[in-house]
Amino acid sequence: MLLVAVCFCLGLAVSAFWFRPPSKPAAPPEPTFELSNASTGLLGHLETPIAIRFYSLLDPNAPRGLHEFSGRVDQLLSAYEQRANGKILVTRYDAQTNANPNAALADGIKEFNLDTGEGCYLGLALSCKGRKEVLAQLSPEWEPALESDVTRALLRLAEADLSTRTKVSASPTDAAAIEEVKRRVPDIASVSLEDGTRTLREASLKEFAAAVSEMQVQVRETQARFEQARSNGTAADKESALKHLQEVQTAQTEKLNQIAARSQAQITAFQQLKSRAK
């Protein structure tokens, strides 16, 4: 009887294990990194998925601070992922994934710290619709500007489809948008909706490209000033140069957002004018 009782209990235990419902996967932890309003606004209006490949192939003997910085970059990317409604797709390549350094090099990531070990690869490659942006070497010294750099790269990738950026609906009384449409598309009645929209997009794209070119010049100049302050200046000089760099990047991001918003307003106004012309 004892043997029968033991077998019966064992059978119940096996049945409970076999037929128990599968456990739900643990929800990913909420990111601890808080994105700026500019970044959050851009992510909320993305319509085209953007892939980000994060390479963090670090020599085990690399400084501890570099490893900790890599972890914070990962947290930043998690914040982008969770606030982009599935439009940001991050793939991580590190020692645990057995990633090949050659893959990082092929993606445009820069190798560094060769003189102290096997070398390190820490960078981002972003791509969308055949276009690509690369942050070839991430550095702890530039950490305060990292979010701005990533957001500007995302914004540049979205320029092929201006309607995916920050959208501002143009009202029928938006005189500025209507006047700009009439200037760029003089004969609205005879131009198809597709051709007129393409004309407006191309004009905005030229404006956007000019702004990006100007932005790159300003960033290079500001970065040179920061490098000089870091090499020869005081702590106050370095702090001032870094603050100026952040201000420049914030102003430039806002300018690009304004161009995108005007473009969308003009396209909406053109659509309204076309519907009236019928």
C-alpha atoms as a PDB file:
ATOM      1  CA  MET A   1       0.000   0.000   0.000  1.00  0.00           C
ATOM      2  CA  LEU A   2       2.876   2.368   0.762  1.00  0.00           C
ATOM      3  CA  LEU A   3       4.396   1.721  -2.670  1.00  0.00           C
ATOM      4  CA  VAL A   4       1.027   2.391  -4.323  1.00  0.00           C
ATOM      5  CA  ALA A   5       0.630   5.675  -2.424  1.00  0.00           C
ATOM      6  CA  VAL A   6       4.149   6.809  -3.390  1.00  0.00           C
ATOM      7  CA  CYS A   7       3.539   5.970  -7.062  1.00  0.00           C
ATOM      8  CA  PHE A   8       0.196   7.803  -6.969  1.00  0.00           C
ATOM      9  CA  CYS A   9       1.758  10.985  -5.539  1.00  0.00           C
ATOM     10  CA  LEU A  10       4.632  10.777  -8.017  1.00  0.00           C
ATOM     11  CA  GLY A  11       2.118  10.502 -10.846  1.00  0.00           C
ATOM     12  CA  LEU A  12       0.287  13.608  -9.627  1.00  0.00           C
ATOM     13  CA  ALA A  13       3.549  15.560  -9.473  1.00  0.00           C
ATOM     14  CA  VAL A  14       4.570  14.513 -12.983  1.00  0.00           C
ATOM     15  CA  SER A  15       1.107  15.356 -14.339  1.00  0.00           C
ATOM     16  CA  ALA A  16       1.168  18.786 -12.703  1.00  0.00           C
ATOM     17  CA  PHE A  17       4.578  19.518 -14.229  1.00  0.00           C
ATOM     18  CA  TRP A  18       3.614  18.194 -17.668  1.00  0.00           C
ATOM     19  CA  PHE A  19       0.294  20.009 -17.994  1.00  0.00           C
ATOM     20  CA  ARG A  20       1.144  23.251 -16.235  1.00  0.00           C
ATOM     21  CA  PRO A  21       0.704  26.362 -18.397  1.00  0.00           C
ATOM     22  CA  PRO A  22       3.917  27.861 -19.789  1.00  0.00           C
ATOM     23  CA  SER A  23       5.310  30.697 -17.754  1.00  0.00           C
ATOM     24  CA  LYS A  24       5.075  34.136 -19.279  1.00  0.00           C
ATOM     25  CA  PRO A  25       8.372  35.724 -20.283  1.00  0.00           C
ATOM     26  CA  ALA A  26       9.528  38.426 -17.954  1.00  0.00           C
ATOM     27  CA  ALA A  27       8.685  41.900 -19.156  1.00  0.00           C
ATOM     28  CA  PRO A  28      11.736  43.916 -20.172  1.00  0.00           C
ATOM     29  CA  PRO A  29      12.769  46.419 -17.516  1.00  0.00           C
ATOM     30  CA  GLU A  30      11.802  49.987 -18.039  1.00  0.00           C
ATOM     31  CA  PRO A  31      14.744  52.050 -19.283  1.00  0.00           C
ATOM     32  CA  THR A  32      16.291  54.310 -16.693  1.00  0.00           C
ATOM     33  CA  PHE A  33      17.409  56.825 -19.302  1.00  0.00           C
ATOM     34  CA  GLU A  34      15.042  59.759 -19.837  1.00  0.00           C
ATOM     35  CA  LEU A  35      15.010  61.048 -23.400  1.00  0.00           C
ATOM     36  CA  SER A  36      14.684  64.735 -24.225  1.00  0.00           C
ATOM     37  CA  ASN A  37      11.444  66.185 -25.563  1.00  0.00           C
ATOM     38  CA  ALA A  38      13.024  66.566 -29.007  1.00  0.00           C
ATOM     39  CA  SER A  39      13.944  62.874 -29.181  1.00  0.00           C
ATOM     40  CA  THR A  40      10.580  61.723 -27.842  1.00  0.00           C
ATOM     41  CA  GLY A  41       8.724  63.929 -30.312  1.00  0.00           C
ATOM     42  CA  LEU A  42      10.675  62.519 -33.248  1.00  0.00           C
ATOM     43  CA  LEU A  43      10.149  58.906 -32.160  1.00  0.00           C
ATOM     44  CA  GLY A  44       6.418  59.446 -31.795  1.00  0.00           C
ATOM     45  CA  HIS A  45       6.098  60.384 -35.468  1.00  0.00           C
ATOM     46  CA  LEU A  46       8.343  57.791 -37.114  1.00  0.00           C
ATOM     47  CA  GLU A  47       6.460  55.759 -39.701  1.00  0.00           C
ATOM     48  CA  THR A  48       9.374  53.866 -41.265  1.00  0.00           C
ATOM     49  CA  PRO A  49      11.350  51.352 -39.155  1.00  0.00           C
ATOM     50  CA  ILE A  50      14.984  52.243 -38.550  1.00  0.00           C
ATOM     51  CA  ALA A  51      17.522  49.551 -37.689  1.00  0.00           C
ATOM     52  CA  ILE A  52      20.328  50.256 -35.223  1.00  0.00           C
ATOM     53  CA  ARG A  53      23.276  47.884 -34.911  1.00  0.00           C
ATOM     54  CA  PHE A  54      25.105  48.423 -31.628  1.00  0.00           C
ATOM     55  CA  TYR A  55      28.672  47.084 -31.584  1.00  0.00           C
ATOM     56  CA  SER A  56      30.238  46.722 -28.149  1.00  0.00           C
ATOM     57  CA  LEU A  57      33.256  44.477 -28.670  1.00  0.00           C
ATOM     58  CA  LEU A  58      35.571  45.481 -25.849  1.00  0.00           C
ATOM     59  CA  ASP A  59      38.897  44.052 -24.800  1.00  0.00           C
ATOM     60  CA  PRO A  60      38.496  42.443 -21.347  1.00  0.00           C
ATOM     61  CA  ASN A  61      41.463  44.536 -20.224  1.00  0.00           C
ATOM     62  CA  ALA A  62      39.871  47.795 -21.401  1.00  0.00           C
ATOM     63  CA  PRO A  63      39.276  50.409 -18.680  1.00  0.00           C
ATOM     64  CA  ARG A  64      36.331  49.679 -16.437  1.00  0.00           C
ATOM     65  CA  GLY A  65      34.893  53.086 -17.259  1.00  0.00           C
ATOM     66  CA  LEU A  66      34.624  52.110 -20.925  1.00  0.00           C
ATOM     67  CA  HIS A  67      32.616  48.997 -20.039  1.00  0.00           C
ATOM     68  CA  GLU A  68      30.331  51.058 -17.806  1.00  0.00           C
ATOM     69  CA  PHE A  69      29.868  53.620 -20.570  1.00  0.00           C
ATOM     70  CA  SER A  70      28.887  50.830 -22.971  1.00  0.00           C
ATOM     71  CA  GLY A  71      26.193  49.770 -20.497  1.00  0.00           C
ATOM     72  CA  ARG A  72      24.801  53.304 -20.418  1.00  0.00           C
ATOM     73  CA  VAL A  73      24.722  53.396 -24.219  1.00  0.00           C
ATOM     74  CA  ASP A  74      22.705  50.187 -24.096  1.00  0.00           C
ATOM     75  CA  GLN A  75      20.261  51.841 -21.684  1.00  0.00           C
ATOM     76  CA  LEU A  76      19.923  54.814 -24.027  1.00  0.00           C
ATOM     77  CA  LEU A  77      19.110  52.539 -26.952  1.00  0.00           C
ATOM     78  CA  SER A  78      16.554  50.675 -24.828  1.00  0.00           C
ATOM     79  CA  ALA A  79      14.854  54.004 -24.158  1.00  0.00           C
ATOM     80  CA  TYR A  80      14.704  54.685 -27.909  1.00  0.00           C
ATOM     81  CA  GLU A  81      13.267  51.209 -28.505  1.00  0.00           C
ATOM     82  CA  GLN A  82      10.545  51.471 -25.901  1.00  0.00           C
ATOM     83  CA  ARG A  83       9.380  54.923 -26.978  1.00  0.00           C
ATOM     84  CA  ALA A  84       9.370  54.353 -30.746  1.00  0.00           C
ATOM     85  CA  ASN A  85       6.306  52.084 -30.995  1.00  0.00           C
ATOM     86  CA  GLY A  86       8.267  49.341 -32.734  1.00  0.00           C
ATOM     87  CA  LYS A  87       9.934  51.691 -35.242  1.00  0.00           C
ATOM     88  CA  ILE A  88      13.424  51.400 -33.727  1.00  0.00           C
ATOM     89  CA  LEU A  89      14.957  47.925 -34.065  1.00  0.00           C
ATOM     90  CA  VAL A  90      18.194  47.488 -32.114  1.00  0.00           C
ATOM     91  CA  THR A  91      20.530  44.535 -32.692  1.00  0.00           C
ATOM     92  CA  ARG A  92      23.331  44.160 -30.201  1.00  0.00           C
ATOM     93  CA  TYR A  93      26.738  42.675 -31.037  1.00  0.00           C
ATOM     94  CA  ASP A  94      29.021  41.912 -28.109  1.00  0.00           C
ATOM     95  CA  ALA A  95      31.224  39.174 -26.700  1.00  0.00           C
ATOM     96  CA  GLN A  96      28.178  37.137 -25.669  1.00  0.00           C
ATOM     97  CA  THR A  97      26.921  36.977 -29.251  1.00  0.00           C
ATOM     98  CA  ASN A  98      30.366  35.927 -30.544  1.00  0.00           C
ATOM     99  CA  ALA A  99      30.320  38.849 -32.950  1.00  0.00           C
ATOM    100  CA  ASN A 100      33.193  39.063 -35.405  1.00  0.00           C
ATOM    101  CA  PRO A 101      35.245  42.288 -35.295  1.00  0.00           C
ATOM    102  CA  ASN A 102      35.371  42.161 -39.098  1.00  0.00           C
ATOM    103  CA  ALA A 103      31.599  42.676 -39.141  1.00  0.00           C
ATOM    104  CA  ALA A 104      32.062  45.842 -37.117  1.00  0.00           C
ATOM    105  CA  LEU A 105      34.777  47.098 -39.453  1.00  0.00           C
ATOM    106  CA  ALA A 106      32.605  46.315 -42.491  1.00  0.00           C
ATOM    107  CA  ASP A 107      29.785  48.347 -40.947  1.00  0.00           C
ATOM    108  CA  GLY A 108      32.054  51.383 -40.566  1.00  0.00           C
ATOM    109  CA  ILE A 109      32.916  51.014 -36.878  1.00  0.00           C
ATOM    110  CA  LYS A 110      36.353  52.322 -35.938  1.00  0.00           C
ATOM    111  CA  GLU A 111      38.894  50.177 -34.093  1.00  0.00           C
ATOM    112  CA  PHE A 112      40.735  51.736 -31.138  1.00  0.00           C
ATOM    113  CA  ASN A 113      42.941  50.871 -28.125  1.00  0.00           C
ATOM    114  CA  LEU A 114      45.102  48.624 -30.300  1.00  0.00           C
ATOM    115  CA  ASP A 115      48.204  49.575 -28.334  1.00  0.00           C
ATOM    116  CA  THR A 116      46.833  48.204 -25.056  1.00  0.00           C
ATOM    117  CA  GLY A 117      45.315  44.877 -26.118  1.00  0.00           C
ATOM    118  CA  GLU A 118      43.181  43.206 -28.741  1.00  0.00           C
ATOM    119  CA  GLY A 119      41.404  46.422 -29.715  1.00  0.00           C
ATOM    120  CA  CYS A 120      37.910  47.717 -29.062  1.00  0.00           C
ATOM    121  CA  TYR A 121      34.877  48.434 -31.232  1.00  0.00           C
ATOM    122  CA  LEU A 122      32.181  50.649 -29.761  1.00  0.00           C
ATOM    123  CA  GLY A 123      29.828  52.323 -32.210  1.00  0.00           C
ATOM    124  CA  LEU A 124      26.452  52.474 -33.913  1.00  0.00           C
ATOM    125  CA  ALA A 125      25.359  51.806 -37.491  1.00  0.00           C
ATOM    126  CA  LEU A 126      21.857  53.055 -38.335  1.00  0.00           C
ATOM    127  CA  SER A 127      20.044  52.185 -41.571  1.00  0.00           C
ATOM    128  CA  CYS A 128      16.711  52.820 -43.238  1.00  0.00           C
ATOM    129  CA  LYS A 129      15.566  52.289 -46.834  1.00  0.00           C
ATOM    130  CA  GLY A 130      19.078  51.698 -48.099  1.00  0.00           C
ATOM    131  CA  ARG A 131      20.522  54.746 -46.367  1.00  0.00           C
ATOM    132  CA  LYS A 132      23.044  54.545 -43.550  1.00  0.00           C
ATOM    133  CA  GLU A 133      24.440  56.671 -40.743  1.00  0.00           C
ATOM    134  CA  VAL A 134      27.439  55.580 -38.667  1.00  0.00           C
ATOM    135  CA  LEU A 135      28.669  56.777 -35.291  1.00  0.00           C
ATOM    136  CA  ALA A 136      32.025  55.108 -35.773  1.00  0.00           C
ATOM    137  CA  GLN A 137      33.490  55.480 -32.271  1.00  0.00           C
ATOM    138  CA  LEU A 138      31.550  56.308 -29.133  1.00  0.00           C
ATOM    139  CA  SER A 139      33.574  57.920 -26.390  1.00  0.00           C
ATOM    140  CA  PRO A 140      32.778  58.578 -22.712  1.00  0.00           C
ATOM    141  CA  GLU A 141      34.145  62.107 -23.137  1.00  0.00           C
ATOM    142  CA  TRP A 142      31.303  62.847 -25.591  1.00  0.00           C
ATOM    143  CA  GLU A 143      28.576  61.136 -23.578  1.00  0.00           C
ATOM    144  CA  PRO A 144      26.584  64.347 -22.884  1.00  0.00           C
ATOM    145  CA  ALA A 145      26.179  64.835 -26.645  1.00  0.00           C
ATOM    146  CA  LEU A 146      25.397  61.184 -27.467  1.00  0.00           C
ATOM    147  CA  GLU A 147      21.603  61.445 -27.430  1.00  0.00           C
ATOM    148  CA  SER A 148      21.721  64.499 -29.666  1.00  0.00           C
ATOM    149  CA  ASP A 149      24.015  62.673 -32.116  1.00  0.00           C
ATOM    150  CA  VAL A 150      21.727  59.632 -32.264  1.00  0.00           C
ATOM    151  CA  THR A 151      18.584  61.729 -32.724  1.00  0.00           C
ATOM    152  CA  ARG A 152      20.172  63.781 -35.509  1.00  0.00           C
ATOM    153  CA  ALA A 153      21.239  60.556 -37.250  1.00  0.00           C
ATOM    154  CA  LEU A 154      17.664  59.251 -37.019  1.00  0.00           C
ATOM    155  CA  LEU A 155      16.351  62.525 -38.379  1.00  0.00           C
ATOM    156  CA  ARG A 156      18.720  62.438 -41.349  1.00  0.00           C
ATOM    157  CA  LEU A 157      17.672  58.877 -42.172  1.00  0.00           C
ATOM    158  CA  ALA A 158      14.049  59.968 -42.283  1.00  0.00           C
ATOM    159  CA  GLU A 159      14.637  62.730 -44.849  1.00  0.00           C
ATOM    160  CA  ALA A 160      13.724  60.396 -47.742  1.00  0.00           C
ATOM    161  CA  ASP A 161      10.194  60.417 -46.392  1.00  0.00           C
ATOM    162  CA  LEU A 162       9.486  63.823 -44.895  1.00  0.00           C
ATOM    163  CA  SER A 163       6.004  62.851 -43.783  1.00  0.00           C
ATOM    164  CA  THR A 164       7.509  60.481 -41.178  1.00  0.00           C
ATOM    165  CA  ARG A 165       8.936  63.360 -39.160  1.00  0.00           C
ATOM    166  CA  THR A 166       7.220  65.672 -36.744  1.00  0.00           C
ATOM    167  CA  LYS A 167       3.835  66.365 -38.295  1.00  0.00           C
ATOM    168  CA  VAL A 168       2.028  69.645 -37.966  1.00  0.00           C
ATOM    169  CA  SER A 169      -1.362  69.839 -39.635  1.00  0.00           C
ATOM    170  CA  ALA A 170      -1.828  72.959 -41.718  1.00  0.00           C
ATOM    171  CA  SER A 171      -5.142  74.708 -41.216  1.00  0.00           C
ATOM    172  CA  PRO A 172      -7.036  76.286 -44.143  1.00  0.00           C
ATOM    173  CA  THR A 173      -5.953  79.697 -42.868  1.00  0.00           C
ATOM    174  CA  ASP A 174      -2.221  78.874 -42.800  1.00  0.00           C
ATOM    175  CA  ALA A 175      -1.340  81.776 -45.068  1.00  0.00           C
ATOM    176  CA  ALA A 176       2.438  81.210 -44.953  1.00  0.00           C
ATOM    177  CA  ALA A 177       2.148  77.585 -46.124  1.00  0.00           C
ATOM    178  CA  ILE A 178      -0.350  78.486 -48.851  1.00  0.00           C
ATOM    179  CA  GLU A 179       1.813  81.310 -50.181  1.00  0.00           C
ATOM    180  CA  GLU A 180       4.865  79.057 -50.276  1.00  0.00           C
ATOM    181  CA  VAL A 181       2.887  76.395 -52.145  1.00  0.00           C
ATOM    182  CA  LYS A 182       1.716  78.951 -54.710  1.00  0.00           C
ATOM    183  CA  ARG A 183       5.291  80.128 -55.193  1.00  0.00           C
ATOM    184  CA  ARG A 184       6.661  76.634 -55.715  1.00  0.00           C
ATOM    185  CA  VAL A 185       3.692  75.280 -57.692  1.00  0.00           C
ATOM    186  CA  PRO A 186       2.375  78.274 -59.677  1.00  0.00           C
ATOM    187  CA  ASP A 187      -0.315  76.450 -61.698  1.00  0.00           C
ATOM    188  CA  ILE A 188      -1.951  74.297 -59.049  1.00  0.00           C
ATOM    189  CA  ALA A 189      -4.952  73.324 -61.169  1.00  0.00           C
ATOM    190  CA  SER A 190      -2.885  71.765 -63.972  1.00  0.00           C
ATOM    191  CA  VAL A 191      -0.386  69.918 -61.741  1.00  0.00           C
ATOM    192  CA  SER A 192      -1.279  66.463 -60.465  1.00  0.00           C
ATOM    193  CA  LEU A 193      -1.366  65.774 -56.750  1.00  0.00           C
ATOM    194  CA  GLU A 194       1.599  63.413 -57.086  1.00  0.00           C
ATOM    195  CA  ASP A 195       3.755  65.827 -59.114  1.00  0.00           C
ATOM    196  CA  GLY A 196       2.980  68.775 -56.878  1.00  0.00           C
ATOM    197  CA  THR A 197       3.766  66.809 -53.736  1.00  0.00           C
ATOM    198  CA  ARG A 198       7.046  65.641 -55.256  1.00  0.00           C
ATOM    199  CA  THR A 199       7.982  69.232 -56.140  1.00  0.00           C
ATOM    200  CA  LEU A 200       7.338  70.379 -52.584  1.00  0.00           C
ATOM    201  CA  ARG A 201       9.284  67.458 -51.124  1.00  0.00           C
ATOM    202  CA  GLU A 202      12.272  68.082 -53.379  1.00  0.00           C
ATOM    203  CA  ALA A 203      12.365  71.755 -52.410  1.00  0.00           C
ATOM    204  CA  SER A 204      12.224  70.893 -48.717  1.00  0.00           C
ATOM    205  CA  LEU A 205      14.856  68.218 -49.200  1.00  0.00           C
ATOM    206  CA  LYS A 206      17.257  70.801 -50.646  1.00  0.00           C
ATOM    207  CA  GLU A 207      16.594  73.074 -47.692  1.00  0.00           C
ATOM    208  CA  PHE A 208      17.137  70.159 -45.331  1.00  0.00           C
ATOM    209  CA  ALA A 209      20.418  69.168 -47.037  1.00  0.00           C
ATOM    210  CA  ALA A 210      21.695  72.745 -46.811  1.00  0.00           C
ATOM    211  CA  ALA A 211      20.823  72.864 -43.113  1.00  0.00           C
ATOM    212  CA  VAL A 212      22.604  69.558 -42.478  1.00  0.00           C
ATOM    213  CA  SER A 213      25.704  70.782 -44.312  1.00  0.00           C
ATOM    214  CA  GLU A 214      25.743  73.987 -42.282  1.00  0.00           C
ATOM    215  CA  MET A 215      25.168  71.973 -39.134  1.00  0.00           C
ATOM    216  CA  GLN A 216      28.133  69.697 -39.814  1.00  0.00           C
ATOM    217  CA  VAL A 217      30.436  72.704 -40.229  1.00  0.00           C
ATOM    218  CA  GLN A 218      29.258  74.207 -36.946  1.00  0.00           C
ATOM    219  CA  VAL A 219      29.612  70.913 -35.099  1.00  0.00           C
ATOM    220  CA  ARG A 220      33.157  70.411 -36.410  1.00  0.00           C
ATOM    221  CA  GLU A 221      34.122  73.922 -35.314  1.00  0.00           C
ATOM    222  CA  THR A 222      32.564  73.425 -31.878  1.00  0.00           C
ATOM    223  CA  GLN A 223      34.198  70.016 -31.479  1.00  0.00           C
ATOM    224  CA  ALA A 224      37.581  71.513 -32.350  1.00  0.00           C
ATOM    225  CA  ARG A 225      37.034  74.155 -29.683  1.00  0.00           C
ATOM    226  CA  PHE A 226      36.164  71.463 -27.153  1.00  0.00           C
ATOM    227  CA  GLU A 227      39.244  69.389 -28.047  1.00  0.00           C
ATOM    228  CA  GLN A 228      41.441  72.457 -27.624  1.00  0.00           C
ATOM    229  CA  ALA A 229      39.878  73.205 -24.254  1.00  0.00           C
ATOM    230  CA  ARG A 230      40.293  69.578 -23.178  1.00  0.00           C
ATOM    231  CA  SER A 231      43.977  69.605 -24.115  1.00  0.00           C
ATOM    232  CA  ASN A 232      45.043  73.046 -22.939  1.00  0.00           C
ATOM    233  CA  GLY A 233      42.207  74.667 -21.046  1.00  0.00           C
ATOM    234  CA  THR A 234      41.004  74.671 -17.492  1.00  0.00           C
ATOM    235  CA  ALA A 235      38.085  72.645 -16.156  1.00  0.00           C
ATOM    236  CA  ALA A 236      35.889  75.723 -16.565  1.00  0.00           C
ATOM    237  CA  ASP A 237      36.990  76.071 -20.202  1.00  0.00           C
ATOM    238  CA  LYS A 238      36.106  72.422 -20.904  1.00  0.00           C
ATOM    239  CA  GLU A 239      32.722  72.770 -19.239  1.00  0.00           C
ATOM    240  CA  SER A 240      31.992  75.936 -21.206  1.00  0.00           C
ATOM    241  CA  ALA A 241      33.025  74.340 -24.516  1.00  0.00           C
ATOM    242  CA  LEU A 242      30.908  71.247 -23.855  1.00  0.00           C
ATOM    243  CA  LYS A 243      27.902  73.371 -22.916  1.00  0.00           C
ATOM    244  CA  HIS A 244      28.318  75.347 -26.143  1.00  0.00           C
ATOM    245  CA  LEU A 245      28.463  72.113 -28.143  1.00  0.00           C
ATOM    246  CA  GLN A 246      25.230  70.896 -26.563  1.00  0.00           C
ATOM    247  CA  GLU A 247      23.535  74.233 -27.305  1.00  0.00           C
ATOM    248  CA  VAL A 248      24.637  74.092 -30.939  1.00  0.00           C
ATOM    249  CA  GLN A 249      23.346  70.551 -31.352  1.00  0.00           C
ATOM    250  CA  THR A 250      20.006  71.383 -29.698  1.00  0.00           C
ATOM    251  CA  ALA A 251      19.519  74.448 -31.913  1.00  0.00           C
ATOM    252  CA  GLN A 252      20.361  72.467 -35.030  1.00  0.00           C
ATOM    253  CA  THR A 253      17.951  69.661 -34.158  1.00  0.00           C
ATOM    254  CA  GLU A 254      15.198  72.224 -33.627  1.00  0.00           C
ATOM    255  CA  LYS A 255      15.977  73.808 -36.991  1.00  0.00           C
ATOM    256  CA  LEU A 256      15.662  70.450 -38.756  1.00  0.00           C
ATOM    257  CA  ASN A 257      12.373  69.810 -36.968  1.00  0.00           C
ATOM    258  CA  GLN A 258      11.067  73.169 -38.172  1.00  0.00           C
ATOM    259  CA  ILE A 259      11.988  72.378 -41.785  1.00  0.00           C
ATOM    260  CA  ALA A 260      10.177  69.044 -41.536  1.00  0.00           C
ATOM    261  CA  ALA A 261       7.125  70.704 -39.984  1.00  0.00           C
ATOM    262  CA  ARG A 262       6.966  73.390 -42.699  1.00  0.00           C
ATOM    263  CA  SER A 263       7.266  70.741 -45.390  1.00  0.00           C
ATOM    264  CA  GLN A 264       4.342  68.776 -43.987  1.00  0.00           C
ATOM    265  CA  ALA A 265       2.275  71.954 -43.607  1.00  0.00           C
ATOM    266  CA  GLN A 266       2.916  72.883 -47.255  1.00  0.00           C
ATOM    267  CA  ILE A 267       1.942  69.417 -48.504  1.00  0.00           C
ATOM    268  CA  THR A 268      -1.277  69.531 -46.484  1.00  0.00           C
ATOM    269  CA  ALA A 269      -2.044  73.026 -47.801  1.00  0.00           C
ATOM    270  CA  PHE A 270      -1.404  71.847 -51.384  1.00  0.00           C
ATOM    271  CA  GLN A 271      -3.827  68.965 -50.904  1.00  0.00           C
ATOM    272  CA  GLN A 272      -6.459  71.386 -49.657  1.00  0.00           C
ATOM    273  CA  LEU A 273      -5.905  73.748 -52.589  1.00  0.00           C
ATOM    274  CA  LYS A 274      -6.170  70.861 -55.038  1.00  0.00           C
ATOM    275  CA  SER A 275      -9.472  69.727 -53.550  1.00  0.00           C
ATOM    276  CA  ARG A 276     -10.864  73.254 -53.950  1.00  0.00           C
ATOM    277  CA  ALA A 277      -9.686  73.456 -57.553  1.00  0.00           C
ATOM    278  CA  LYS A 278     -11.761  70.414 -58.590  1.00  0.00           C
END
